[in-house]
Amino acid sequence: MSAAPVIELRGIATRFGEVWVHRDLDLSVGAGELVALVGGSGSGKTTLLRTILGLLTPTLGEVRLFGQPLFGGGHHRERALRRRFGVLFQHGALFSAFNVFDNIAFQLRELKCLDEATIRDLVMLKLDMVELLPRHAWLMPSQLSGGMVKRVALARSLALDPELLLLDEPTAGLDPDLADGFVSLIRALERELGLTVVLVTHDIDTLVALATKVAVLAERRIVGYGPIAEVIGIDQPFIQSFFGSDRSRRILADAGLR
């Protein structure tokens, strides 16, 4: 018997007032996959990510994570399920009043079952995983560069050893060298930890470097899903526009995808 998908969205519909953001949206992500979610401005990418996170309840449809319904079954069941994924928000979303150490330690302390010595060891381990030094633990978010903010936020997202990692525009705001380094870090962590990864991105370089599959959100639903080489051949306006620009064609050609 095959394992249940890590993420399964069935018939998702989301409405704000009279505006439908999603209609009849289906998506299934298997264990170990690295899926990039792309779509035009206003297509509902962030809304879909919030739905997967459980921050937003869809108007219709079902969200299942690891074979279990995300909603219902009581607070303790939902909380245990949510501990199995980590999130990197676009701008890091670090607590500005906490230093780096306390930002990463926050979730570990919330467990209320670890002593401070163990928490310190785990925080330092997570810092090392994202290639930061112990001395960086005592910096405040205002003292961090943009690249360091991303790495601290990534360390925090890995604090509870998640099986699923959700990334919202992970390379947004980084210059090309920093973006390349961050992509390499995510790829290395995905391999080392056996993570399933879903990232929202508009950056073709990030998509090609990271994703094993791409899901295209347009017309309120997923209009293309699969390996990049297959999706770029779909005759759909947004897909042809996104992958058909001169820059996209050049990047795809360099990657052997055209």
Foldseek 3Di string as FASTA:
>chain_A
DDFAFQKWWAQFWADDVPDILAGGATDTHHFLFAEEEEEDVSNCPVVVVCCQLVVDPTPDTFIDGRNHTCDDDDDVVNVVRNLQFFEQEQQLPFDQVAALLCSLLVVVVVVVPDDPVVSLVLLQVLCVLLPHHPVSRGHGPVPDDSLVSLSSSVSSRCSSPHQEYEYEASCPPPPPVSSVSNLVSVQVCCVVSSHHYYYYHLDLLSCLSTGQKYFYRDPNYGPDIGGPLVRCPDPDVVSCVSCVDPVNVVSCVVSVSD
